[in-house]
Amino acid sequence: MGKFVIKETKNGGFKFDLKAGNGEVIATSEVYSGEAACKKGIESIRKNAVEAKLEDQTVEGFAAVTNPKFEVYADKAGEFRFRLKARNGEIIATSEGYKAKNSCLNGIESVRKNAPEAAVAKED
């Protein structure tokens, strides 16, 4: 079972990581000004991850889809990453870089599977 782990940043903001059952980080949030805003971000992930469509920007001539969506793209290092955009177009979660596109797609499926039921904890 996955979990959201909230942590305070050095500059006093808050962010969260969505971790899979094995402890691996699947997705990371932006930095929020307060803990309450961070928790709202978690609720947004829960809601949007399930209904989000997939937009594969690594395919030439890809079809743009409406938000909410997962965007798959290649970064400057040639690794595959995803970002989850909410209905309003705001990026609410990003992934690490993956060497293989299939691993990136598996990461998206892991977010879809884990986010809705994931517990929320604060980092020790």
PDB file of N, CA and C in Angstrom:
ATOM      1  N   MET A   1       0.845  -1.182   0.000  1.00  0.00           N
ATOM      2  CA  MET A   1       0.000   0.000   0.000  1.00  0.00           C
ATOM      3  C   MET A   1       0.887   1.240   0.000  1.00  0.00           C
ATOM      4  N   GLY A   2       0.572   2.174  -0.867  1.00  0.00           N
ATOM      5  CA  GLY A   2       1.366   3.390  -0.967  1.00  0.00           C
ATOM      6  C   GLY A   2       1.027   4.380   0.132  1.00  0.00           C
ATOM      7  N   LYS A   3       1.857   5.438   0.231  1.00  0.00           N
ATOM      8  CA  LYS A   3       1.544   6.497   1.186  1.00  0.00           C
ATOM      9  C   LYS A   3       2.140   7.815   0.724  1.00  0.00           C
ATOM     10  N   PHE A   4       1.473   8.882   1.113  1.00  0.00           N
ATOM     11  CA  PHE A   4       1.966  10.233   0.889  1.00  0.00           C
ATOM     12  C   PHE A   4       2.773  10.612   2.118  1.00  0.00           C
ATOM     13  N   VAL A   5       3.988  11.097   1.913  1.00  0.00           N
ATOM     14  CA  VAL A   5       4.835  11.527   3.025  1.00  0.00           C
ATOM     15  C   VAL A   5       5.064  13.032   2.883  1.00  0.00           C
ATOM     16  N   ILE A   6       4.559  13.779   3.854  1.00  0.00           N
ATOM     17  CA  ILE A   6       4.710  15.240   3.868  1.00  0.00           C
ATOM     18  C   ILE A   6       5.983  15.598   4.611  1.00  0.00           C
ATOM     19  N   LYS A   7       6.753  16.509   4.036  1.00  0.00           N
ATOM     20  CA  LYS A   7       7.953  16.970   4.737  1.00  0.00           C
ATOM     21  C   LYS A   7       8.101  18.480   4.599  1.00  0.00           C
ATOM     22  N   GLU A   8       8.694  19.063   5.620  1.00  0.00           N
ATOM     23  CA  GLU A   8       8.954  20.495   5.608  1.00  0.00           C
ATOM     24  C   GLU A   8      10.278  20.738   4.907  1.00  0.00           C
ATOM     25  N   THR A   9      10.308  21.763   4.043  1.00  0.00           N
ATOM     26  CA  THR A   9      11.537  22.083   3.311  1.00  0.00           C
ATOM     27  C   THR A   9      12.394  23.037   4.143  1.00  0.00           C
ATOM     28  N   LYS A  10      13.618  23.237   3.730  1.00  0.00           N
ATOM     29  CA  LYS A  10      14.549  24.110   4.459  1.00  0.00           C
ATOM     30  C   LYS A  10      14.035  25.549   4.550  1.00  0.00           C
ATOM     31  N   ASN A  11      13.275  25.980   3.518  1.00  0.00           N
ATOM     32  CA  ASN A  11      12.789  27.367   3.512  1.00  0.00           C
ATOM     33  C   ASN A  11      11.416  27.519   4.166  1.00  0.00           C
ATOM     34  N   GLY A  12      10.955  26.478   4.894  1.00  0.00           N
ATOM     35  CA  GLY A  12       9.703  26.580   5.625  1.00  0.00           C
ATOM     36  C   GLY A  12       8.461  26.184   4.850  1.00  0.00           C
ATOM     37  N   GLY A  13       8.624  25.754   3.606  1.00  0.00           N
ATOM     38  CA  GLY A  13       7.487  25.278   2.826  1.00  0.00           C
ATOM     39  C   GLY A  13       7.238  23.801   3.111  1.00  0.00           C
ATOM     40  N   PHE A  14       6.267  23.240   2.419  1.00  0.00           N
ATOM     41  CA  PHE A  14       5.933  21.822   2.566  1.00  0.00           C
ATOM     42  C   PHE A  14       5.814  21.176   1.197  1.00  0.00           C
ATOM     43  N   LYS A  15       6.224  19.918   1.106  1.00  0.00           N
ATOM     44  CA  LYS A  15       6.060  19.141  -0.120  1.00  0.00           C
ATOM     45  C   LYS A  15       5.756  17.709   0.268  1.00  0.00           C
ATOM     46  N   PHE A  16       5.319  16.928  -0.697  1.00  0.00           N
ATOM     47  CA  PHE A  16       5.067  15.524  -0.405  1.00  0.00           C
ATOM     48  C   PHE A  16       5.648  14.637  -1.489  1.00  0.00           C
ATOM     49  N   ASP A  17       5.929  13.418  -1.088  1.00  0.00           N
ATOM     50  CA  ASP A  17       6.302  12.354  -2.014  1.00  0.00           C
ATOM     51  C   ASP A  17       5.217  11.296  -1.911  1.00  0.00           C
ATOM     52  N   LEU A  18       4.819  10.748  -3.050  1.00  0.00           N
ATOM     53  CA  LEU A  18       3.958   9.571  -3.056  1.00  0.00           C
ATOM     54  C   LEU A  18       4.885   8.381  -3.182  1.00  0.00           C
ATOM     55  N   LYS A  19       4.847   7.506  -2.176  1.00  0.00           N
ATOM     56  CA  LYS A  19       5.724   6.341  -2.162  1.00  0.00           C
ATOM     57  C   LYS A  19       4.918   5.070  -2.384  1.00  0.00           C
ATOM     58  N   ALA A  20       5.483   4.152  -3.142  1.00  0.00           N
ATOM     59  CA  ALA A  20       4.856   2.848  -3.355  1.00  0.00           C
ATOM     60  C   ALA A  20       5.034   2.007  -2.099  1.00  0.00           C
ATOM     61  N   GLY A  21       4.393   0.856  -2.078  1.00  0.00           N
ATOM     62  CA  GLY A  21       4.475  -0.038  -0.928  1.00  0.00           C
ATOM     63  C   GLY A  21       5.896  -0.448  -0.584  1.00  0.00           C
ATOM     64  N   ASN A  22       6.796  -0.454  -1.593  1.00  0.00           N
ATOM     65  CA  ASN A  22       8.193  -0.844  -1.364  1.00  0.00           C
ATOM     66  C   ASN A  22       9.059   0.338  -0.918  1.00  0.00           C
ATOM     67  N   GLY A  23       8.444   1.512  -0.729  1.00  0.00           N
ATOM     68  CA  GLY A  23       9.187   2.686  -0.267  1.00  0.00           C
ATOM     69  C   GLY A  23       9.771   3.551  -1.364  1.00  0.00           C
ATOM     70  N   GLU A  24       9.672   3.086  -2.616  1.00  0.00           N
ATOM     71  CA  GLU A  24      10.188   3.875  -3.742  1.00  0.00           C
ATOM     72  C   GLU A  24       9.316   5.108  -3.974  1.00  0.00           C
ATOM     73  N   VAL A  25       9.937   6.261  -4.254  1.00  0.00           N
ATOM     74  CA  VAL A  25       9.190   7.475  -4.563  1.00  0.00           C
ATOM     75  C   VAL A  25       8.652   7.359  -5.990  1.00  0.00           C
ATOM     76  N   ILE A  26       7.342   7.510  -6.137  1.00  0.00           N
ATOM     77  CA  ILE A  26       6.703   7.436  -7.454  1.00  0.00           C
ATOM     78  C   ILE A  26       6.542   8.833  -8.042  1.00  0.00           C
ATOM     79  N   ALA A  27       6.140   9.789  -7.189  1.00  0.00           N
ATOM     80  CA  ALA A  27       5.887  11.152  -7.651  1.00  0.00           C
ATOM     81  C   ALA A  27       6.156  12.128  -6.514  1.00  0.00           C
ATOM     82  N   THR A  28       6.491  13.355  -6.896  1.00  0.00           N
ATOM     83  CA  THR A  28       6.834  14.412  -5.949  1.00  0.00           C
ATOM     84  C   THR A  28       6.007  15.651  -6.279  1.00  0.00           C
ATOM     85  N   SER A  29       5.673  16.414  -5.250  1.00  0.00           N
ATOM     86  CA  SER A  29       4.890  17.637  -5.457  1.00  0.00           C
ATOM     87  C   SER A  29       5.794  18.851  -5.588  1.00  0.00           C
ATOM     88  N   GLU A  30       5.141  19.968  -5.893  1.00  0.00           N
ATOM     89  CA  GLU A  30       5.793  21.268  -5.814  1.00  0.00           C
ATOM     90  C   GLU A  30       5.936  21.616  -4.334  1.00  0.00           C
ATOM     91  N   VAL A  31       6.541  22.759  -4.030  1.00  0.00           N
ATOM     92  CA  VAL A  31       6.632  23.229  -2.646  1.00  0.00           C
ATOM     93  C   VAL A  31       5.426  24.130  -2.386  1.00  0.00           C
ATOM     94  N   TYR A  32       4.718  23.824  -1.314  1.00  0.00           N
ATOM     95  CA  TYR A  32       3.543  24.606  -0.911  1.00  0.00           C
ATOM     96  C   TYR A  32       3.925  25.511   0.253  1.00  0.00           C
ATOM     97  N   SER A  33       3.185  26.620   0.398  1.00  0.00           N
ATOM     98  CA  SER A  33       3.503  27.585   1.452  1.00  0.00           C
ATOM     99  C   SER A  33       3.162  27.072   2.844  1.00  0.00           C
ATOM    100  N   GLY A  34       2.178  26.191   2.952  1.00  0.00           N
ATOM    101  CA  GLY A  34       1.795  25.679   4.260  1.00  0.00           C
ATOM    102  C   GLY A  34       1.365  24.227   4.190  1.00  0.00           C
ATOM    103  N   GLU A  35       1.234  23.612   5.350  1.00  0.00           N
ATOM    104  CA  GLU A  35       0.865  22.197   5.408  1.00  0.00           C
ATOM    105  C   GLU A  35      -0.560  21.965   4.896  1.00  0.00           C
ATOM    106  N   ALA A  36      -1.472  22.894   5.183  1.00  0.00           N
ATOM    107  CA  ALA A  36      -2.859  22.744   4.728  1.00  0.00           C
ATOM    108  C   ALA A  36      -2.916  22.740   3.193  1.00  0.00           C
ATOM    109  N   ALA A  37      -2.157  23.629   2.563  1.00  0.00           N
ATOM    110  CA  ALA A  37      -2.118  23.683   1.091  1.00  0.00           C
ATOM    111  C   ALA A  37      -1.525  22.393   0.526  1.00  0.00           C
ATOM    112  N   CYS A  38      -0.539  21.856   1.216  1.00  0.00           N
ATOM    113  CA  CYS A  38       0.097  20.604   0.803  1.00  0.00           C
ATOM    114  C   CYS A  38      -0.932  19.466   0.839  1.00  0.00           C
ATOM    115  N   LYS A  39      -1.734  19.431   1.890  1.00  0.00           N
ATOM    116  CA  LYS A  39      -2.761  18.393   2.019  1.00  0.00           C
ATOM    117  C   LYS A  39      -3.831  18.539   0.930  1.00  0.00           C
ATOM    118  N   LYS A  40      -4.129  19.775   0.534  1.00  0.00           N
ATOM    119  CA  LYS A  40      -5.061  19.999  -0.578  1.00  0.00           C
ATOM    120  C   LYS A  40      -4.462  19.453  -1.872  1.00  0.00           C
ATOM    121  N   GLY A  41      -3.155  19.601  -2.022  1.00  0.00           N
ATOM    122  CA  GLY A  41      -2.462  19.048  -3.184  1.00  0.00           C
ATOM    123  C   GLY A  41      -2.599  17.535  -3.240  1.00  0.00           C
ATOM    124  N   ILE A  42      -2.514  16.893  -2.100  1.00  0.00           N
ATOM    125  CA  ILE A  42      -2.674  15.435  -2.025  1.00  0.00           C
ATOM    126  C   ILE A  42      -4.081  15.047  -2.480  1.00  0.00           C
ATOM    127  N   GLU A  43      -5.081  15.789  -2.009  1.00  0.00           N
ATOM    128  CA  GLU A  43      -6.461  15.490  -2.415  1.00  0.00           C
ATOM    129  C   GLU A  43      -6.628  15.674  -3.917  1.00  0.00           C
ATOM    130  N   SER A  44      -5.946  16.659  -4.476  1.00  0.00           N
ATOM    131  CA  SER A  44      -6.004  16.883  -5.923  1.00  0.00           C
ATOM    132  C   SER A  44      -5.394  15.705  -6.685  1.00  0.00           C
ATOM    133  N   ILE A  45      -4.303  15.156  -6.165  1.00  0.00           N
ATOM    134  CA  ILE A  45      -3.682  13.978  -6.789  1.00  0.00           C
ATOM    135  C   ILE A  45      -4.663  12.808  -6.742  1.00  0.00           C
ATOM    136  N   ARG A  46      -5.251  12.571  -5.578  1.00  0.00           N
ATOM    137  CA  ARG A  46      -6.209  11.467  -5.431  1.00  0.00           C
ATOM    138  C   ARG A  46      -7.312  11.545  -6.487  1.00  0.00           C
ATOM    139  N   LYS A  47      -7.856  12.752  -6.672  1.00  0.00           N
ATOM    140  CA  LYS A  47      -8.985  12.955  -7.575  1.00  0.00           C
ATOM    141  C   LYS A  47      -8.552  12.867  -9.046  1.00  0.00           C
ATOM    142  N   ASN A  48      -7.473  13.517  -9.372  1.00  0.00           N
ATOM    143  CA  ASN A  48      -7.070  13.636 -10.775  1.00  0.00           C
ATOM    144  C   ASN A  48      -6.342  12.416 -11.329  1.00  0.00           C
ATOM    145  N   ALA A  49      -5.619  11.690 -10.501  1.00  0.00           N
ATOM    146  CA  ALA A  49      -4.813  10.563 -10.992  1.00  0.00           C
ATOM    147  C   ALA A  49      -5.671   9.486 -11.648  1.00  0.00           C
ATOM    148  N   VAL A  50      -6.848   9.247 -11.099  1.00  0.00           N
ATOM    149  CA  VAL A  50      -7.708   8.178 -11.600  1.00  0.00           C
ATOM    150  C   VAL A  50      -8.303   8.530 -12.963  1.00  0.00           C
ATOM    151  N   GLU A  51      -8.752   9.778 -13.126  1.00  0.00           N
ATOM    152  CA  GLU A  51      -9.424  10.148 -14.367  1.00  0.00           C
ATOM    153  C   GLU A  51      -8.499  10.753 -15.415  1.00  0.00           C
ATOM    154  N   ALA A  52      -7.237  10.973 -15.073  1.00  0.00           N
ATOM    155  CA  ALA A  52      -6.299  11.608 -16.004  1.00  0.00           C
ATOM    156  C   ALA A  52      -6.058  10.739 -17.238  1.00  0.00           C
ATOM    157  N   LYS A  53      -6.045  11.412 -18.381  1.00  0.00           N
ATOM    158  CA  LYS A  53      -5.735  10.747 -19.648  1.00  0.00           C
ATOM    159  C   LYS A  53      -4.217  10.760 -19.836  1.00  0.00           C
ATOM    160  N   LEU A  54      -3.737  10.061 -20.842  1.00  0.00           N
ATOM    161  CA  LEU A  54      -2.301   9.991 -21.111  1.00  0.00           C
ATOM    162  C   LEU A  54      -1.976  10.767 -22.379  1.00  0.00           C
ATOM    163  N   GLU A  55      -1.002  11.660 -22.280  1.00  0.00           N
ATOM    164  CA  GLU A  55      -0.512  12.405 -23.446  1.00  0.00           C
ATOM    165  C   GLU A  55       0.966  12.064 -23.603  1.00  0.00           C
ATOM    166  N   ASP A  56       1.276  11.285 -24.617  1.00  0.00           N
ATOM    167  CA  ASP A  56       2.649  10.837 -24.848  1.00  0.00           C
ATOM    168  C   ASP A  56       3.366  11.815 -25.777  1.00  0.00           C
ATOM    169  N   GLN A  57       4.110  12.730 -25.177  1.00  0.00           N
ATOM    170  CA  GLN A  57       4.799  13.767 -25.940  1.00  0.00           C
ATOM    171  C   GLN A  57       6.095  13.271 -26.576  1.00  0.00           C
ATOM    172  N   THR A  58       6.403  11.996 -26.388  1.00  0.00           N
ATOM    173  CA  THR A  58       7.610  11.432 -27.012  1.00  0.00           C
ATOM    174  C   THR A  58       7.319  10.909 -28.416  1.00  0.00           C
ATOM    175  N   VAL A  59       6.052  10.884 -28.792  1.00  0.00           N
ATOM    176  CA  VAL A  59       5.648  10.404 -30.104  1.00  0.00           C
ATOM    177  C   VAL A  59       5.485  11.599 -31.032  1.00  0.00           C
ATOM    178  N   GLU A  60       6.096  11.533 -32.210  1.00  0.00           N
ATOM    179  CA  GLU A  60       5.988  12.625 -33.162  1.00  0.00           C
ATOM    180  C   GLU A  60       4.522  12.811 -33.555  1.00  0.00           C
ATOM    181  N   GLY A  61       4.075  14.079 -33.558  1.00  0.00           N
ATOM    182  CA  GLY A  61       2.695  14.379 -33.935  1.00  0.00           C
ATOM    183  C   GLY A  61       1.677  13.896 -32.914  1.00  0.00           C
ATOM    184  N   PHE A  62       2.087  13.840 -31.634  1.00  0.00           N
ATOM    185  CA  PHE A  62       1.184  13.342 -30.579  1.00  0.00           C
ATOM    186  C   PHE A  62      -0.092  14.177 -30.524  1.00  0.00           C
ATOM    187  N   ALA A  63      -1.155  13.543 -30.092  1.00  0.00           N
ATOM    188  CA  ALA A  63      -2.442  14.223 -29.937  1.00  0.00           C
ATOM    189  C   ALA A  63      -2.530  14.818 -28.544  1.00  0.00           C
ATOM    190  N   ALA A  64      -2.780  16.117 -28.474  1.00  0.00           N
ATOM    191  CA  ALA A  64      -2.965  16.772 -27.179  1.00  0.00           C
ATOM    192  C   ALA A  64      -4.303  16.350 -26.600  1.00  0.00           C
ATOM    193  N   VAL A  65      -4.335  16.086 -25.298  1.00  0.00           N
ATOM    194  CA  VAL A  65      -5.583  15.720 -24.633  1.00  0.00           C
ATOM    195  C   VAL A  65      -5.901  16.766 -23.574  1.00  0.00           C
ATOM    196  N   THR A  66      -7.143  16.792 -23.147  1.00  0.00           N
ATOM    197  CA  THR A  66      -7.561  17.783 -22.161  1.00  0.00           C
ATOM    198  C   THR A  66      -7.124  17.363 -20.758  1.00  0.00           C
ATOM    199  N   ASN A  67      -7.058  18.332 -19.871  1.00  0.00           N
ATOM    200  CA  ASN A  67      -6.722  18.075 -18.473  1.00  0.00           C
ATOM    201  C   ASN A  67      -7.929  17.492 -17.766  1.00  0.00           C
ATOM    202  N   PRO A  68      -7.742  16.701 -16.732  1.00  0.00           N
ATOM    203  CA  PRO A  68      -6.469  16.281 -16.145  1.00  0.00           C
ATOM    204  C   PRO A  68      -5.771  15.264 -17.038  1.00  0.00           C
ATOM    205  N   LYS A  69      -4.436  15.283 -16.973  1.00  0.00           N
ATOM    206  CA  LYS A  69      -3.672  14.364 -17.810  1.00  0.00           C
ATOM    207  C   LYS A  69      -2.293  14.104 -17.236  1.00  0.00           C
ATOM    208  N   PHE A  70      -1.760  12.944 -17.621  1.00  0.00           N
ATOM    209  CA  PHE A  70      -0.366  12.619 -17.392  1.00  0.00           C
ATOM    210  C   PHE A  70       0.364  12.940 -18.685  1.00  0.00           C
ATOM    211  N   GLU A  71       1.386  13.772 -18.633  1.00  0.00           N
ATOM    212  CA  GLU A  71       2.217  14.049 -19.800  1.00  0.00           C
ATOM    213  C   GLU A  71       3.504  13.252 -19.663  1.00  0.00           C
ATOM    214  N   VAL A  72       3.806  12.441 -20.676  1.00  0.00           N
ATOM    215  CA  VAL A  72       5.063  11.705 -20.726  1.00  0.00           C
ATOM    216  C   VAL A  72       5.974  12.474 -21.678  1.00  0.00           C
ATOM    217  N   TYR A  73       7.206  12.731 -21.246  1.00  0.00           N
ATOM    218  CA  TYR A  73       8.143  13.487 -22.087  1.00  0.00           C
ATOM    219  C   TYR A  73       9.570  13.013 -21.823  1.00  0.00           C
ATOM    220  N   ALA A  74      10.463  13.374 -22.722  1.00  0.00           N
ATOM    221  CA  ALA A  74      11.888  13.065 -22.559  1.00  0.00           C
ATOM    222  C   ALA A  74      12.586  14.330 -22.074  1.00  0.00           C
ATOM    223  N   ASP A  75      13.402  14.203 -21.028  1.00  0.00           N
ATOM    224  CA  ASP A  75      14.121  15.365 -20.508  1.00  0.00           C
ATOM    225  C   ASP A  75      15.418  15.585 -21.292  1.00  0.00           C
ATOM    226  N   LYS A  76      16.181  16.594 -20.894  1.00  0.00           N
ATOM    227  CA  LYS A  76      17.419  16.937 -21.611  1.00  0.00           C
ATOM    228  C   LYS A  76      18.445  15.812 -21.583  1.00  0.00           C
ATOM    229  N   ALA A  77      18.392  14.971 -20.555  1.00  0.00           N
ATOM    230  CA  ALA A  77      19.335  13.849 -20.430  1.00  0.00           C
ATOM    231  C   ALA A  77      18.858  12.619 -21.214  1.00  0.00           C
ATOM    232  N   GLY A  78      17.689  12.752 -21.866  1.00  0.00           N
ATOM    233  CA  GLY A  78      17.167  11.636 -22.633  1.00  0.00           C
ATOM    234  C   GLY A  78      16.385  10.628 -21.801  1.00  0.00           C
ATOM    235  N   GLU A  79      16.094  10.971 -20.553  1.00  0.00           N
ATOM    236  CA  GLU A  79      15.305  10.075 -19.700  1.00  0.00           C
ATOM    237  C   GLU A  79      13.825  10.425 -19.841  1.00  0.00           C
ATOM    238  N   PHE A  80      12.990   9.457 -19.546  1.00  0.00           N
ATOM    239  CA  PHE A  80      11.547   9.651 -19.630  1.00  0.00           C
ATOM    240  C   PHE A  80      11.013  10.069 -18.266  1.00  0.00           C
ATOM    241  N   ARG A  81      10.106  11.030 -18.294  1.00  0.00           N
ATOM    242  CA  ARG A  81       9.491  11.549 -17.072  1.00  0.00           C
ATOM    243  C   ARG A  81       8.005  11.746 -17.319  1.00  0.00           C
ATOM    244  N   PHE A  82       7.250  11.862 -16.224  1.00  0.00           N
ATOM    245  CA  PHE A  82       5.843  12.249 -16.363  1.00  0.00           C
ATOM    246  C   PHE A  82       5.536  13.365 -15.395  1.00  0.00           C
ATOM    247  N   ARG A  83       4.514  14.111 -15.741  1.00  0.00           N
ATOM    248  CA  ARG A  83       3.960  15.114 -14.832  1.00  0.00           C
ATOM    249  C   ARG A  83       2.445  14.960 -14.895  1.00  0.00           C
ATOM    250  N   LEU A  84       1.811  15.136 -13.766  1.00  0.00           N
ATOM    251  CA  LEU A  84       0.358  15.070 -13.673  1.00  0.00           C
ATOM    252  C   LEU A  84      -0.164  16.489 -13.592  1.00  0.00           C
ATOM    253  N   LYS A  85      -1.064  16.816 -14.512  1.00  0.00           N
ATOM    254  CA  LYS A  85      -1.675  18.141 -14.520  1.00  0.00           C
ATOM    255  C   LYS A  85      -3.128  18.021 -14.083  1.00  0.00           C
ATOM    256  N   ALA A  86      -3.535  18.945 -13.222  1.00  0.00           N
ATOM    257  CA  ALA A  86      -4.916  18.983 -12.734  1.00  0.00           C
ATOM    258  C   ALA A  86      -5.828  19.543 -13.826  1.00  0.00           C
ATOM    259  N   ARG A  87      -7.104  19.537 -13.537  1.00  0.00           N
ATOM    260  CA  ARG A  87      -8.103  20.038 -14.492  1.00  0.00           C
ATOM    261  C   ARG A  87      -7.811  21.472 -14.923  1.00  0.00           C
ATOM    262  N   ASN A  88      -7.235  22.291 -14.015  1.00  0.00           N
ATOM    263  CA  ASN A  88      -6.937  23.697 -14.320  1.00  0.00           C
ATOM    264  C   ASN A  88      -5.600  23.871 -15.045  1.00  0.00           C
ATOM    265  N   GLY A  89      -4.908  22.763 -15.350  1.00  0.00           N
ATOM    266  CA  GLY A  89      -3.649  22.835 -16.088  1.00  0.00           C
ATOM    267  C   GLY A  89      -2.418  22.965 -15.215  1.00  0.00           C
ATOM    268  N   GLU A  90      -2.607  23.081 -13.907  1.00  0.00           N
ATOM    269  CA  GLU A  90      -1.483  23.212 -12.989  1.00  0.00           C
ATOM    270  C   GLU A  90      -0.797  21.853 -12.781  1.00  0.00           C
ATOM    271  N   ILE A  91       0.532  21.856 -12.770  1.00  0.00           N
ATOM    272  CA  ILE A  91       1.287  20.628 -12.511  1.00  0.00           C
ATOM    273  C   ILE A  91       1.190  20.318 -11.017  1.00  0.00           C
ATOM    274  N   ILE A  92       0.688  19.116 -10.692  1.00  0.00           N
ATOM    275  CA  ILE A  92       0.506  18.771  -9.285  1.00  0.00           C
ATOM    276  C   ILE A  92       1.437  17.657  -8.818  1.00  0.00           C
ATOM    277  N   ALA A  93       2.114  16.992  -9.749  1.00  0.00           N
ATOM    278  CA  ALA A  93       3.099  15.968  -9.372  1.00  0.00           C
ATOM    279  C   ALA A  93       4.030  15.716 -10.540  1.00  0.00           C
ATOM    280  N   THR A  94       5.272  15.381 -10.213  1.00  0.00           N
ATOM    281  CA  THR A  94       6.267  15.041 -11.235  1.00  0.00           C
ATOM    282  C   THR A  94       6.987  13.765 -10.821  1.00  0.00           C
ATOM    283  N   SER A  95       7.597  13.129 -11.813  1.00  0.00           N
ATOM    284  CA  SER A  95       8.319  11.885 -11.537  1.00  0.00           C
ATOM    285  C   SER A  95       9.814  12.093 -11.593  1.00  0.00           C
ATOM    286  N   GLU A  96      10.516  11.042 -11.214  1.00  0.00           N
ATOM    287  CA  GLU A  96      11.954  10.979 -11.422  1.00  0.00           C
ATOM    288  C   GLU A  96      12.192  10.646 -12.888  1.00  0.00           C
ATOM    289  N   GLY A  97      13.447  10.613 -13.310  1.00  0.00           N
ATOM    290  CA  GLY A  97      13.773  10.209 -14.677  1.00  0.00           C
ATOM    291  C   GLY A  97      13.877   8.689 -14.767  1.00  0.00           C
ATOM    292  N   TYR A  98      13.349   8.142 -15.854  1.00  0.00           N
ATOM    293  CA  TYR A  98      13.414   6.702 -16.111  1.00  0.00           C
ATOM    294  C   TYR A  98      14.212   6.477 -17.392  1.00  0.00           C
ATOM    295  N   LYS A  99      15.061   5.461 -17.392  1.00  0.00           N
ATOM    296  CA  LYS A  99      15.844   5.122 -18.588  1.00  0.00           C
ATOM    297  C   LYS A  99      14.939   4.578 -19.693  1.00  0.00           C
ATOM    298  N   ALA A 100      13.914   3.816 -19.315  1.00  0.00           N
ATOM    299  CA  ALA A 100      13.018   3.189 -20.292  1.00  0.00           C
ATOM    300  C   ALA A 100      11.624   3.803 -20.212  1.00  0.00           C
ATOM    301  N   LYS A 101      11.023   4.030 -21.367  1.00  0.00           N
ATOM    302  CA  LYS A 101       9.678   4.596 -21.425  1.00  0.00           C
ATOM    303  C   LYS A 101       8.678   3.688 -20.713  1.00  0.00           C
ATOM    304  N   ASN A 102       8.841   2.383 -20.858  1.00  0.00           N
ATOM    305  CA  ASN A 102       7.928   1.438 -20.218  1.00  0.00           C
ATOM    306  C   ASN A 102       7.945   1.601 -18.698  1.00  0.00           C
ATOM    307  N   SER A 103       9.111   1.860 -18.131  1.00  0.00           N
ATOM    308  CA  SER A 103       9.223   2.084 -16.683  1.00  0.00           C
ATOM    309  C   SER A 103       8.462   3.348 -16.280  1.00  0.00           C
ATOM    310  N   CYS A 104       8.535   4.376 -17.123  1.00  0.00           N
ATOM    311  CA  CYS A 104       7.807   5.616 -16.867  1.00  0.00           C
ATOM    312  C   CYS A 104       6.300   5.351 -16.885  1.00  0.00           C
ATOM    313  N   LEU A 105       5.840   4.583 -17.853  1.00  0.00           N
ATOM    314  CA  LEU A 105       4.418   4.241 -17.945  1.00  0.00           C
ATOM    315  C   LEU A 105       3.979   3.410 -16.735  1.00  0.00           C
ATOM    316  N   ASN A 106       4.859   2.536 -16.277  1.00  0.00           N
ATOM    317  CA  ASN A 106       4.570   1.759 -15.059  1.00  0.00           C
ATOM    318  C   ASN A 106       4.451   2.686 -13.850  1.00  0.00           C
ATOM    319  N   GLY A 107       5.266   3.735 -13.812  1.00  0.00           N
ATOM    320  CA  GLY A 107       5.189   4.728 -12.740  1.00  0.00           C
ATOM    321  C   GLY A 107       3.828   5.414 -12.712  1.00  0.00           C
ATOM    322  N   ILE A 108       3.310   5.738 -13.895  1.00  0.00           N
ATOM    323  CA  ILE A 108       1.979   6.357 -13.984  1.00  0.00           C
ATOM    324  C   ILE A 108       0.922   5.396 -13.446  1.00  0.00           C
ATOM    325  N   GLU A 109       1.015   4.140 -13.838  1.00  0.00           N
ATOM    326  CA  GLU A 109       0.046   3.149 -13.355  1.00  0.00           C
ATOM    327  C   GLU A 109       0.143   2.986 -11.839  1.00  0.00           C
ATOM    328  N   SER A 110       1.343   3.095 -11.310  1.00  0.00           N
ATOM    329  CA  SER A 110       1.538   3.005  -9.872  1.00  0.00           C
ATOM    330  C   SER A 110       0.870   4.182  -9.150  1.00  0.00           C
ATOM    331  N   VAL A 111       0.962   5.386  -9.736  1.00  0.00           N
ATOM    332  CA  VAL A 111       0.275   6.548  -9.153  1.00  0.00           C
ATOM    333  C   VAL A 111      -1.227   6.310  -9.175  1.00  0.00           C
ATOM    334  N   ARG A 112      -1.751   5.858 -10.316  1.00  0.00           N
ATOM    335  CA  ARG A 112      -3.194   5.595 -10.433  1.00  0.00           C
ATOM    336  C   ARG A 112      -3.656   4.591  -9.372  1.00  0.00           C
ATOM    337  N   LYS A 113      -2.830   3.562  -9.140  1.00  0.00           N
ATOM    338  CA  LYS A 113      -3.186   2.486  -8.217  1.00  0.00           C
ATOM    339  C   LYS A 113      -3.043   2.914  -6.752  1.00  0.00           C
ATOM    340  N   ASN A 114      -1.963   3.611  -6.436  1.00  0.00           N
ATOM    341  CA  ASN A 114      -1.639   3.931  -5.042  1.00  0.00           C
ATOM    342  C   ASN A 114      -2.290   5.197  -4.503  1.00  0.00           C
ATOM    343  N   ALA A 115      -2.419   6.234  -5.314  1.00  0.00           N
ATOM    344  CA  ALA A 115      -2.863   7.540  -4.811  1.00  0.00           C
ATOM    345  C   ALA A 115      -4.237   7.537  -4.147  1.00  0.00           C
ATOM    346  N   PRO A 116      -5.269   6.893  -4.735  1.00  0.00           N
ATOM    347  CA  PRO A 116      -6.604   7.017  -4.142  1.00  0.00           C
ATOM    348  C   PRO A 116      -6.717   6.531  -2.694  1.00  0.00           C
ATOM    349  N   GLU A 117      -5.985   5.499  -2.330  1.00  0.00           N
ATOM    350  CA  GLU A 117      -6.126   4.906  -0.989  1.00  0.00           C
ATOM    351  C   GLU A 117      -4.911   5.146  -0.088  1.00  0.00           C
ATOM    352  N   ALA A 118      -3.922   5.858  -0.593  1.00  0.00           N
ATOM    353  CA  ALA A 118      -2.672   6.038   0.158  1.00  0.00           C
ATOM    354  C   ALA A 118      -2.894   6.814   1.460  1.00  0.00           C
ATOM    355  N   ALA A 119      -2.280   6.337   2.519  1.00  0.00           N
ATOM    356  CA  ALA A 119      -2.316   7.033   3.807  1.00  0.00           C
ATOM    357  C   ALA A 119      -1.461   8.295   3.703  1.00  0.00           C
ATOM    358  N   VAL A 120      -1.649   9.206   4.624  1.00  0.00           N
ATOM    359  CA  VAL A 120      -0.854  10.433   4.676  1.00  0.00           C
ATOM    360  C   VAL A 120      -0.063  10.411   5.976  1.00  0.00           C
ATOM    361  N   ALA A 121       1.255  10.624   5.878  1.00  0.00           N
ATOM    362  CA  ALA A 121       2.114  10.636   7.058  1.00  0.00           C
ATOM    363  C   ALA A 121       3.076  11.812   6.967  1.00  0.00           C
ATOM    364  N   LYS A 122       3.579  12.233   8.116  1.00  0.00           N
ATOM    365  CA  LYS A 122       4.610  13.267   8.140  1.00  0.00           C
ATOM    366  C   LYS A 122       5.953  12.587   8.289  1.00  0.00           C
ATOM    367  N   GLU A 123       6.946  13.157   7.604  1.00  0.00           N
ATOM    368  CA  GLU A 123       8.299  12.610   7.715  1.00  0.00           C
ATOM    369  C   GLU A 123       8.827  12.854   9.121  1.00  0.00           C
ATOM    370  N   ASP A 124       9.513  11.871   9.638  1.00  0.00           N
ATOM    371  CA  ASP A 124      10.073  11.990  11.000  1.00  0.00           C
ATOM    372  C   ASP A 124      11.288  12.887  11.013  1.00  0.00           C
TER     373      ASP A 124
END
